Amino acid sequence: MSKGVTIGQAAAFAGVTVKTVRHYHKHGLVEEPPRDSSGYRRYGAADLLRLVQVRTLAAAGVPLAEIGPLLAAGPEQFAVAIADVQRRLSERIEELTARRDTLGRLADGDGVLLPDRARAFLDRLPDFGLAPDDVAKIREGLVLARALVPDGFDDYLTQVEHGLADTRFVALAKRAWEAETWEPDDPRIEELATATADHVLANPGLLAILTSFQGRTDDDAARYRMISDFGNDQARAWARLTRLLEAKLRAAGVPIPHP
């Protein structure tokens, strides 16, 4: 009578699949037992113990490449190695938890893209007469701005919130949104750019809305241009209004990057 059990029985006793046992063999974690007179490999008690040890460590999250040295280590080395695996698993758990939370916020629309403060700001905009489509475009612009200049986003939002208390500034901003439908050569664009520049220059606190995303490097200037030009490719009137406003402010000494 043959001693030991077949690979199928060994896999079942150890709680793994035959494919997994062969995978352990391939990685040198479990020695392949010799074949019996019938040509079958027979697994003894020591083989089963090794299978259980490997399976237990693998299930606990120990990488296969580390299991062999771990089982060959002495008690102290084993304890240190296990502590290191625990630390890495804890870090992985934190990472996965953060991903899970992000996915949860995705179900809430902008929750993962904008902070609560920005979302509260967007919720206020319909009270100022902005249409849902306009609010949606502002939302997209905020997402882009936060992604490109995360360090300056809070300051920018603070200045914009202050701007909402300026009724003249709000009226000019609403007029700018109306300009989306104008022709690029509409004379009202020049008038609006002049009126906006005059008001901003007379109220320096509003300048921070235009300069919050500026910096000293070429990359900073490129980021500013991407934020400033957002939507201009779809609305040529907006593009002309932006260029005229920037030119007037630049002429007044405001450091605004050139296109």
C-alpha atoms as a PDB file:
ATOM      1  CA  MET A   1       0.000   0.000   0.000  1.00  0.00           C
ATOM      2  CA  SER A   2       1.324   3.435  -0.970  1.00  0.00           C
ATOM      3  CA  LYS A   3       2.246   5.751   1.844  1.00  0.00           C
ATOM      4  CA  GLY A   4       1.005   9.326   1.876  1.00  0.00           C
ATOM      5  CA  VAL A   5      -1.775  11.006  -0.091  1.00  0.00           C
ATOM      6  CA  THR A   6      -2.182  12.286  -3.644  1.00  0.00           C
ATOM      7  CA  ILE A   7      -1.784  15.912  -4.603  1.00  0.00           C
ATOM      8  CA  GLY A   8      -5.569  16.278  -4.778  1.00  0.00           C
ATOM      9  CA  GLN A   9      -5.974  14.938  -1.257  1.00  0.00           C
ATOM     10  CA  ALA A  10      -3.090  17.037   0.045  1.00  0.00           C
ATOM     11  CA  ALA A  11      -4.623  20.167  -1.480  1.00  0.00           C
ATOM     12  CA  ALA A  12      -8.015  19.394   0.073  1.00  0.00           C
ATOM     13  CA  PHE A  13      -6.501  18.687   3.499  1.00  0.00           C
ATOM     14  CA  ALA A  14      -4.479  21.947   3.388  1.00  0.00           C
ATOM     15  CA  GLY A  15      -7.461  23.989   2.194  1.00  0.00           C
ATOM     16  CA  VAL A  16      -6.035  25.011  -1.192  1.00  0.00           C
ATOM     17  CA  THR A  17      -6.423  23.960  -4.799  1.00  0.00           C
ATOM     18  CA  VAL A  18      -4.195  21.595  -6.746  1.00  0.00           C
ATOM     19  CA  LYS A  19      -3.198  24.572  -8.883  1.00  0.00           C
ATOM     20  CA  THR A  20      -2.065  26.410  -5.749  1.00  0.00           C
ATOM     21  CA  VAL A  21       0.027  23.435  -4.593  1.00  0.00           C
ATOM     22  CA  ARG A  22       1.753  23.364  -7.979  1.00  0.00           C
ATOM     23  CA  HIS A  23       2.258  27.121  -7.738  1.00  0.00           C
ATOM     24  CA  TYR A  24       3.994  26.597  -4.367  1.00  0.00           C
ATOM     25  CA  HIS A  25       6.164  23.932  -5.980  1.00  0.00           C
ATOM     26  CA  LYS A  26       7.093  26.308  -8.788  1.00  0.00           C
ATOM     27  CA  HIS A  27       8.226  28.957  -6.290  1.00  0.00           C
ATOM     28  CA  GLY A  28      10.197  26.442  -4.259  1.00  0.00           C
ATOM     29  CA  LEU A  29       8.027  26.884  -1.164  1.00  0.00           C
ATOM     30  CA  VAL A  30       7.058  23.212  -0.943  1.00  0.00           C
ATOM     31  CA  GLU A  31       9.295  20.426  -2.153  1.00  0.00           C
ATOM     32  CA  GLU A  32       7.777  18.020  -4.641  1.00  0.00           C
ATOM     33  CA  PRO A  33       7.674  14.573  -3.005  1.00  0.00           C
ATOM     34  CA  PRO A  34       9.103  11.588  -4.876  1.00  0.00           C
ATOM     35  CA  ARG A  35       6.844   9.410  -7.006  1.00  0.00           C
ATOM     36  CA  ASP A  36       5.759   5.989  -5.836  1.00  0.00           C
ATOM     37  CA  SER A  37       5.939   2.760  -7.864  1.00  0.00           C
ATOM     38  CA  SER A  38       2.738   3.758  -9.642  1.00  0.00           C
ATOM     39  CA  GLY A  39       4.231   7.048 -10.797  1.00  0.00           C
ATOM     40  CA  TYR A  40       2.204   9.256  -8.428  1.00  0.00           C
ATOM     41  CA  ARG A  41       3.637  11.769  -6.010  1.00  0.00           C
ATOM     42  CA  ARG A  42       2.666  11.028  -2.436  1.00  0.00           C
ATOM     43  CA  TYR A  43       2.502  13.729   0.214  1.00  0.00           C
ATOM     44  CA  GLY A  44       3.393  12.828   3.770  1.00  0.00           C
ATOM     45  CA  ALA A  45       2.669  14.567   7.078  1.00  0.00           C
ATOM     46  CA  ALA A  46       5.697  16.858   6.773  1.00  0.00           C
ATOM     47  CA  ASP A  47       4.592  17.928   3.305  1.00  0.00           C
ATOM     48  CA  LEU A  48       1.106  18.686   4.580  1.00  0.00           C
ATOM     49  CA  LEU A  49       2.515  20.703   7.479  1.00  0.00           C
ATOM     50  CA  ARG A  50       4.601  22.742   5.058  1.00  0.00           C
ATOM     51  CA  LEU A  51       1.571  23.308   2.828  1.00  0.00           C
ATOM     52  CA  VAL A  52      -0.460  24.547   5.798  1.00  0.00           C
ATOM     53  CA  GLN A  53       2.345  26.860   6.915  1.00  0.00           C
ATOM     54  CA  VAL A  54       2.763  28.358   3.457  1.00  0.00           C
ATOM     55  CA  ARG A  55      -0.991  28.687   2.930  1.00  0.00           C
ATOM     56  CA  THR A  56      -1.417  30.380   6.321  1.00  0.00           C
ATOM     57  CA  LEU A  57       1.327  32.931   5.700  1.00  0.00           C
ATOM     58  CA  ALA A  58       0.135  33.621   2.151  1.00  0.00           C
ATOM     59  CA  ALA A  59      -3.444  34.107   3.363  1.00  0.00           C
ATOM     60  CA  ALA A  60      -2.142  36.534   6.000  1.00  0.00           C
ATOM     61  CA  GLY A  61      -0.689  38.689   3.265  1.00  0.00           C
ATOM     62  CA  VAL A  62       2.951  37.638   3.300  1.00  0.00           C
ATOM     63  CA  PRO A  63       4.365  37.841  -0.262  1.00  0.00           C
ATOM     64  CA  LEU A  64       5.340  34.439  -1.638  1.00  0.00           C
ATOM     65  CA  ALA A  65       8.905  35.639  -2.176  1.00  0.00           C
ATOM     66  CA  GLU A  66       9.243  36.216   1.573  1.00  0.00           C
ATOM     67  CA  ILE A  67       7.627  33.023   2.841  1.00  0.00           C
ATOM     68  CA  GLY A  68      10.626  30.735   2.270  1.00  0.00           C
ATOM     69  CA  PRO A  69      13.123  32.882   4.216  1.00  0.00           C
ATOM     70  CA  LEU A  70      10.471  33.478   6.877  1.00  0.00           C
ATOM     71  CA  LEU A  71       9.957  29.774   7.523  1.00  0.00           C
ATOM     72  CA  ALA A  72      13.722  29.261   7.634  1.00  0.00           C
ATOM     73  CA  ALA A  73      14.243  32.070  10.165  1.00  0.00           C
ATOM     74  CA  GLY A  74      14.752  31.644  13.870  1.00  0.00           C
ATOM     75  CA  PRO A  75      12.078  32.729  16.388  1.00  0.00           C
ATOM     76  CA  GLU A  76      13.424  36.282  16.810  1.00  0.00           C
ATOM     77  CA  GLN A  77      13.894  36.865  13.094  1.00  0.00           C
ATOM     78  CA  PHE A  78      10.454  35.396  12.467  1.00  0.00           C
ATOM     79  CA  ALA A  79       8.854  37.800  14.952  1.00  0.00           C
ATOM     80  CA  VAL A  80      10.611  40.808  13.399  1.00  0.00           C
ATOM     81  CA  ALA A  81       9.619  39.738   9.895  1.00  0.00           C
ATOM     82  CA  ILE A  82       5.998  39.195  10.908  1.00  0.00           C
ATOM     83  CA  ALA A  83       5.906  42.641  12.546  1.00  0.00           C
ATOM     84  CA  ASP A  84       7.151  44.156   9.279  1.00  0.00           C
ATOM     85  CA  VAL A  85       4.458  42.331   7.319  1.00  0.00           C
ATOM     86  CA  GLN A  86       1.852  43.592   9.780  1.00  0.00           C
ATOM     87  CA  ARG A  87       3.070  47.160   9.305  1.00  0.00           C
ATOM     88  CA  ARG A  88       2.853  46.890   5.530  1.00  0.00           C
ATOM     89  CA  LEU A  89      -0.582  45.328   5.725  1.00  0.00           C
ATOM     90  CA  SER A  90      -1.773  48.162   7.968  1.00  0.00           C
ATOM     91  CA  GLU A  91      -0.528  50.690   5.415  1.00  0.00           C
ATOM     92  CA  ARG A  92      -2.288  48.765   2.669  1.00  0.00           C
ATOM     93  CA  ILE A  93      -5.501  48.682   4.685  1.00  0.00           C
ATOM     94  CA  GLU A  94      -5.328  52.462   5.171  1.00  0.00           C
ATOM     95  CA  GLU A  95      -4.799  52.897   1.437  1.00  0.00           C
ATOM     96  CA  LEU A  96      -7.738  50.638   0.578  1.00  0.00           C
ATOM     97  CA  THR A  97      -9.929  52.374   3.151  1.00  0.00           C
ATOM     98  CA  ALA A  98      -9.095  55.736   1.580  1.00  0.00           C
ATOM     99  CA  ARG A  99      -9.980  54.339  -1.851  1.00  0.00           C
ATOM    100  CA  ARG A 100     -13.254  52.976  -0.520  1.00  0.00           C
ATOM    101  CA  ASP A 101     -14.100  56.368   0.970  1.00  0.00           C
ATOM    102  CA  THR A 102     -13.247  58.041  -2.326  1.00  0.00           C
ATOM    103  CA  LEU A 103     -15.570  55.681  -4.184  1.00  0.00           C
ATOM    104  CA  GLY A 104     -18.273  56.494  -1.650  1.00  0.00           C
ATOM    105  CA  ARG A 105     -17.858  60.204  -2.327  1.00  0.00           C
ATOM    106  CA  LEU A 106     -18.000  59.574  -6.072  1.00  0.00           C
ATOM    107  CA  ALA A 107     -21.602  58.541  -5.613  1.00  0.00           C
ATOM    108  CA  ASP A 108     -22.213  62.073  -4.356  1.00  0.00           C
ATOM    109  CA  GLY A 109     -21.061  63.741  -7.561  1.00  0.00           C
ATOM    110  CA  ASP A 110     -18.492  66.441  -6.807  1.00  0.00           C
ATOM    111  CA  GLY A 111     -17.694  65.099  -3.344  1.00  0.00           C
ATOM    112  CA  VAL A 112     -14.396  63.630  -4.474  1.00  0.00           C
ATOM    113  CA  LEU A 113     -13.473  66.542  -6.758  1.00  0.00           C
ATOM    114  CA  LEU A 114     -14.308  69.574  -4.643  1.00  0.00           C
ATOM    115  CA  PRO A 115     -14.258  70.232  -0.884  1.00  0.00           C
ATOM    116  CA  ASP A 116     -17.461  70.991   1.004  1.00  0.00           C
ATOM    117  CA  ARG A 117     -16.621  74.684   1.050  1.00  0.00           C
ATOM    118  CA  ALA A 118     -16.506  74.886  -2.746  1.00  0.00           C
ATOM    119  CA  ARG A 119     -19.728  72.940  -3.072  1.00  0.00           C
ATOM    120  CA  ALA A 120     -21.425  75.307  -0.635  1.00  0.00           C
ATOM    121  CA  PHE A 121     -20.198  78.222  -2.741  1.00  0.00           C
ATOM    122  CA  LEU A 122     -21.686  76.643  -5.870  1.00  0.00           C
ATOM    123  CA  ASP A 123     -24.995  76.123  -4.071  1.00  0.00           C
ATOM    124  CA  ARG A 124     -25.197  79.900  -3.495  1.00  0.00           C
ATOM    125  CA  LEU A 125     -24.770  80.883  -7.136  1.00  0.00           C
ATOM    126  CA  PRO A 126     -28.380  80.332  -8.283  1.00  0.00           C
ATOM    127  CA  ASP A 127     -29.389  82.975  -5.707  1.00  0.00           C
ATOM    128  CA  PHE A 128     -27.382  85.473  -7.780  1.00  0.00           C
ATOM    129  CA  GLY A 129     -29.328  84.666 -10.928  1.00  0.00           C
ATOM    130  CA  LEU A 130     -26.911  82.230 -12.539  1.00  0.00           C
ATOM    131  CA  ALA A 131     -28.509  79.529 -14.664  1.00  0.00           C
ATOM    132  CA  PRO A 132     -27.786  75.831 -13.989  1.00  0.00           C
ATOM    133  CA  ASP A 133     -25.587  75.608 -17.120  1.00  0.00           C
ATOM    134  CA  ASP A 134     -23.506  78.551 -15.904  1.00  0.00           C
ATOM    135  CA  VAL A 135     -23.123  76.994 -12.468  1.00  0.00           C
ATOM    136  CA  ALA A 136     -22.049  73.732 -14.118  1.00  0.00           C
ATOM    137  CA  LYS A 137     -19.327  75.553 -16.062  1.00  0.00           C
ATOM    138  CA  ILE A 138     -18.121  77.307 -12.918  1.00  0.00           C
ATOM    139  CA  ARG A 139     -18.038  73.921 -11.180  1.00  0.00           C
ATOM    140  CA  GLU A 140     -15.837  72.510 -13.948  1.00  0.00           C
ATOM    141  CA  GLY A 141     -13.553  75.524 -13.716  1.00  0.00           C
ATOM    142  CA  LEU A 142     -13.181  75.059  -9.963  1.00  0.00           C
ATOM    143  CA  VAL A 143     -12.314  71.388 -10.404  1.00  0.00           C
ATOM    144  CA  LEU A 144      -9.619  72.338 -12.921  1.00  0.00           C
ATOM    145  CA  ALA A 145      -8.272  75.145 -10.720  1.00  0.00           C
ATOM    146  CA  ARG A 146      -8.059  72.933  -7.643  1.00  0.00           C
ATOM    147  CA  ALA A 147      -6.249  70.225  -9.596  1.00  0.00           C
ATOM    148  CA  LEU A 148      -3.718  72.615 -11.148  1.00  0.00           C
ATOM    149  CA  VAL A 149      -3.047  74.890  -8.158  1.00  0.00           C
ATOM    150  CA  PRO A 150      -4.153  73.039  -4.995  1.00  0.00           C
ATOM    151  CA  ASP A 151      -2.108  75.281  -2.691  1.00  0.00           C
ATOM    152  CA  GLY A 152      -3.774  78.459  -3.928  1.00  0.00           C
ATOM    153  CA  PHE A 153      -7.317  77.127  -4.183  1.00  0.00           C
ATOM    154  CA  ASP A 154      -8.489  78.082  -0.678  1.00  0.00           C
ATOM    155  CA  ASP A 155      -7.189  81.631  -1.042  1.00  0.00           C
ATOM    156  CA  TYR A 156      -8.901  81.938  -4.402  1.00  0.00           C
ATOM    157  CA  LEU A 157     -12.174  80.682  -2.981  1.00  0.00           C
ATOM    158  CA  THR A 158     -11.915  83.164  -0.100  1.00  0.00           C
ATOM    159  CA  GLN A 159     -11.496  86.067  -2.508  1.00  0.00           C
ATOM    160  CA  VAL A 160     -14.384  84.932  -4.693  1.00  0.00           C
ATOM    161  CA  GLU A 161     -16.622  84.589  -1.629  1.00  0.00           C
ATOM    162  CA  HIS A 162     -15.726  88.150  -0.653  1.00  0.00           C
ATOM    163  CA  GLY A 163     -16.504  89.225  -4.220  1.00  0.00           C
ATOM    164  CA  LEU A 164     -20.075  87.980  -3.870  1.00  0.00           C
ATOM    165  CA  ALA A 165     -20.645  90.744  -1.319  1.00  0.00           C
ATOM    166  CA  ASP A 166     -19.771  93.351  -3.973  1.00  0.00           C
ATOM    167  CA  THR A 167     -23.015  93.950  -5.882  1.00  0.00           C
ATOM    168  CA  ARG A 168     -21.260  95.802  -8.714  1.00  0.00           C
ATOM    169  CA  PHE A 169     -18.751  92.998  -9.146  1.00  0.00           C
ATOM    170  CA  VAL A 170     -21.561  90.398  -9.175  1.00  0.00           C
ATOM    171  CA  ALA A 171     -23.427  92.396 -11.811  1.00  0.00           C
ATOM    172  CA  LEU A 172     -20.323  92.598 -13.991  1.00  0.00           C
ATOM    173  CA  ALA A 173     -19.672  88.882 -13.556  1.00  0.00           C
ATOM    174  CA  LYS A 174     -23.241  88.054 -14.585  1.00  0.00           C
ATOM    175  CA  ARG A 175     -22.825  90.317 -17.608  1.00  0.00           C
ATOM    176  CA  ALA A 176     -19.679  88.400 -18.508  1.00  0.00           C
ATOM    177  CA  TRP A 177     -21.615  85.138 -18.470  1.00  0.00           C
ATOM    178  CA  GLU A 178     -24.208  86.707 -20.764  1.00  0.00           C
ATOM    179  CA  ALA A 179     -21.383  87.635 -23.141  1.00  0.00           C
ATOM    180  CA  GLU A 180     -20.956  83.962 -23.987  1.00  0.00           C
ATOM    181  CA  THR A 181     -23.719  84.360 -26.577  1.00  0.00           C
ATOM    182  CA  TRP A 182     -22.383  87.600 -28.084  1.00  0.00           C
ATOM    183  CA  GLU A 183     -20.447  87.862 -31.310  1.00  0.00           C
ATOM    184  CA  PRO A 184     -16.686  88.272 -30.774  1.00  0.00           C
ATOM    185  CA  ASP A 185     -16.740  91.745 -32.371  1.00  0.00           C
ATOM    186  CA  ASP A 186     -19.702  92.986 -30.301  1.00  0.00           C
ATOM    187  CA  PRO A 187     -18.799  96.502 -29.036  1.00  0.00           C
ATOM    188  CA  ARG A 188     -20.308  95.634 -25.661  1.00  0.00           C
ATOM    189  CA  ILE A 189     -17.308  93.375 -25.006  1.00  0.00           C
ATOM    190  CA  GLU A 190     -14.920  96.328 -25.012  1.00  0.00           C
ATOM    191  CA  GLU A 191     -17.292  98.273 -22.752  1.00  0.00           C
ATOM    192  CA  LEU A 192     -17.600  95.364 -20.326  1.00  0.00           C
ATOM    193  CA  ALA A 193     -13.839  94.820 -20.203  1.00  0.00           C
ATOM    194  CA  THR A 194     -13.293  98.509 -19.441  1.00  0.00           C
ATOM    195  CA  ALA A 195     -15.985  98.601 -16.760  1.00  0.00           C
ATOM    196  CA  THR A 196     -14.663  95.441 -15.110  1.00  0.00           C
ATOM    197  CA  ALA A 197     -11.061  96.623 -15.163  1.00  0.00           C
ATOM    198  CA  ASP A 198     -12.018 100.023 -13.707  1.00  0.00           C
ATOM    199  CA  HIS A 199     -13.998  98.403 -10.883  1.00  0.00           C
ATOM    200  CA  VAL A 200     -11.320  95.854 -10.045  1.00  0.00           C
ATOM    201  CA  LEU A 201      -8.589  98.498 -10.021  1.00  0.00           C
ATOM    202  CA  ALA A 202     -10.702 100.665  -7.747  1.00  0.00           C
ATOM    203  CA  ASN A 203     -11.164  97.711  -5.375  1.00  0.00           C
ATOM    204  CA  PRO A 204      -7.755  96.039  -4.982  1.00  0.00           C
ATOM    205  CA  GLY A 205      -9.214  93.218  -2.918  1.00  0.00           C
ATOM    206  CA  LEU A 206     -10.837  91.927  -6.101  1.00  0.00           C
ATOM    207  CA  LEU A 207      -7.483  91.680  -7.841  1.00  0.00           C
ATOM    208  CA  ALA A 208      -6.655  88.603  -5.777  1.00  0.00           C
ATOM    209  CA  ILE A 209      -9.384  86.756  -7.666  1.00  0.00           C
ATOM    210  CA  LEU A 210      -7.340  87.237 -10.818  1.00  0.00           C
ATOM    211  CA  THR A 211      -3.905  86.788  -9.283  1.00  0.00           C
ATOM    212  CA  SER A 212      -4.433  83.917  -6.789  1.00  0.00           C
ATOM    213  CA  PHE A 213      -3.256  81.325  -9.312  1.00  0.00           C
ATOM    214  CA  GLN A 214      -0.229  83.237 -10.510  1.00  0.00           C
ATOM    215  CA  GLY A 215       3.335  82.385  -9.600  1.00  0.00           C
ATOM    216  CA  ARG A 216       6.887  83.144 -10.574  1.00  0.00           C
ATOM    217  CA  THR A 217       7.775  80.194 -12.793  1.00  0.00           C
ATOM    218  CA  ASP A 218       6.899  79.330 -16.375  1.00  0.00           C
ATOM    219  CA  ASP A 219       4.902  76.371 -15.083  1.00  0.00           C
ATOM    220  CA  ASP A 220       2.896  78.695 -12.836  1.00  0.00           C
ATOM    221  CA  ALA A 221       2.163  80.935 -15.802  1.00  0.00           C
ATOM    222  CA  ALA A 222       1.084  77.927 -17.859  1.00  0.00           C
ATOM    223  CA  ARG A 223      -1.274  76.796 -15.103  1.00  0.00           C
ATOM    224  CA  TYR A 224      -2.745  80.293 -14.849  1.00  0.00           C
ATOM    225  CA  ARG A 225      -3.336  80.406 -18.592  1.00  0.00           C
ATOM    226  CA  MET A 226      -5.092  77.019 -18.557  1.00  0.00           C
ATOM    227  CA  ILE A 227      -7.422  78.202 -15.799  1.00  0.00           C
ATOM    228  CA  SER A 228      -7.957  81.653 -17.302  1.00  0.00           C
ATOM    229  CA  ASP A 229      -8.636  80.269 -20.775  1.00  0.00           C
ATOM    230  CA  PHE A 230     -11.016  77.556 -19.586  1.00  0.00           C
ATOM    231  CA  GLY A 231     -14.130  77.759 -21.745  1.00  0.00           C
ATOM    232  CA  ASN A 232     -12.652  80.321 -24.144  1.00  0.00           C
ATOM    233  CA  ASP A 233     -12.230  77.734 -26.878  1.00  0.00           C
ATOM    234  CA  GLN A 234     -15.991  77.177 -26.820  1.00  0.00           C
ATOM    235  CA  ALA A 235     -16.942  80.869 -26.489  1.00  0.00           C
ATOM    236  CA  ARG A 236     -14.896  83.236 -28.656  1.00  0.00           C
ATOM    237  CA  ALA A 237     -16.580  86.247 -27.078  1.00  0.00           C
ATOM    238  CA  TRP A 238     -15.305  85.111 -23.685  1.00  0.00           C
ATOM    239  CA  ALA A 239     -11.823  84.763 -25.127  1.00  0.00           C
ATOM    240  CA  ARG A 240     -11.863  88.344 -26.413  1.00  0.00           C
ATOM    241  CA  LEU A 241     -13.300  89.638 -23.146  1.00  0.00           C
ATOM    242  CA  THR A 242     -10.561  87.828 -21.183  1.00  0.00           C
ATOM    243  CA  ARG A 243      -7.795  89.188 -23.404  1.00  0.00           C
ATOM    244  CA  LEU A 244      -9.114  92.764 -23.256  1.00  0.00           C
ATOM    245  CA  LEU A 245      -9.553  92.669 -19.481  1.00  0.00           C
ATOM    246  CA  GLU A 246      -6.078  91.246 -18.948  1.00  0.00           C
ATOM    247  CA  ALA A 247      -4.539  93.803 -21.288  1.00  0.00           C
ATOM    248  CA  LYS A 248      -6.188  96.694 -19.426  1.00  0.00           C
ATOM    249  CA  LEU A 249      -5.056  95.372 -16.051  1.00  0.00           C
ATOM    250  CA  ARG A 250      -1.565  94.676 -17.382  1.00  0.00           C
ATOM    251  CA  ALA A 251      -1.386  98.246 -18.670  1.00  0.00           C
ATOM    252  CA  ALA A 252      -2.270  99.409 -15.149  1.00  0.00           C
ATOM    253  CA  GLY A 253       0.688  97.494 -13.741  1.00  0.00           C
ATOM    254  CA  VAL A 254      -1.037  94.277 -12.655  1.00  0.00           C
ATOM    255  CA  PRO A 255       1.377  91.359 -13.302  1.00  0.00           C
ATOM    256  CA  ILE A 256      -0.673  89.006 -15.441  1.00  0.00           C
ATOM    257  CA  PRO A 257       1.067  86.375 -17.620  1.00  0.00           C
ATOM    258  CA  HIS A 258       0.824  86.923 -21.356  1.00  0.00           C
ATOM    259  CA  PRO A 259      -0.908  84.328 -23.544  1.00  0.00           C
END
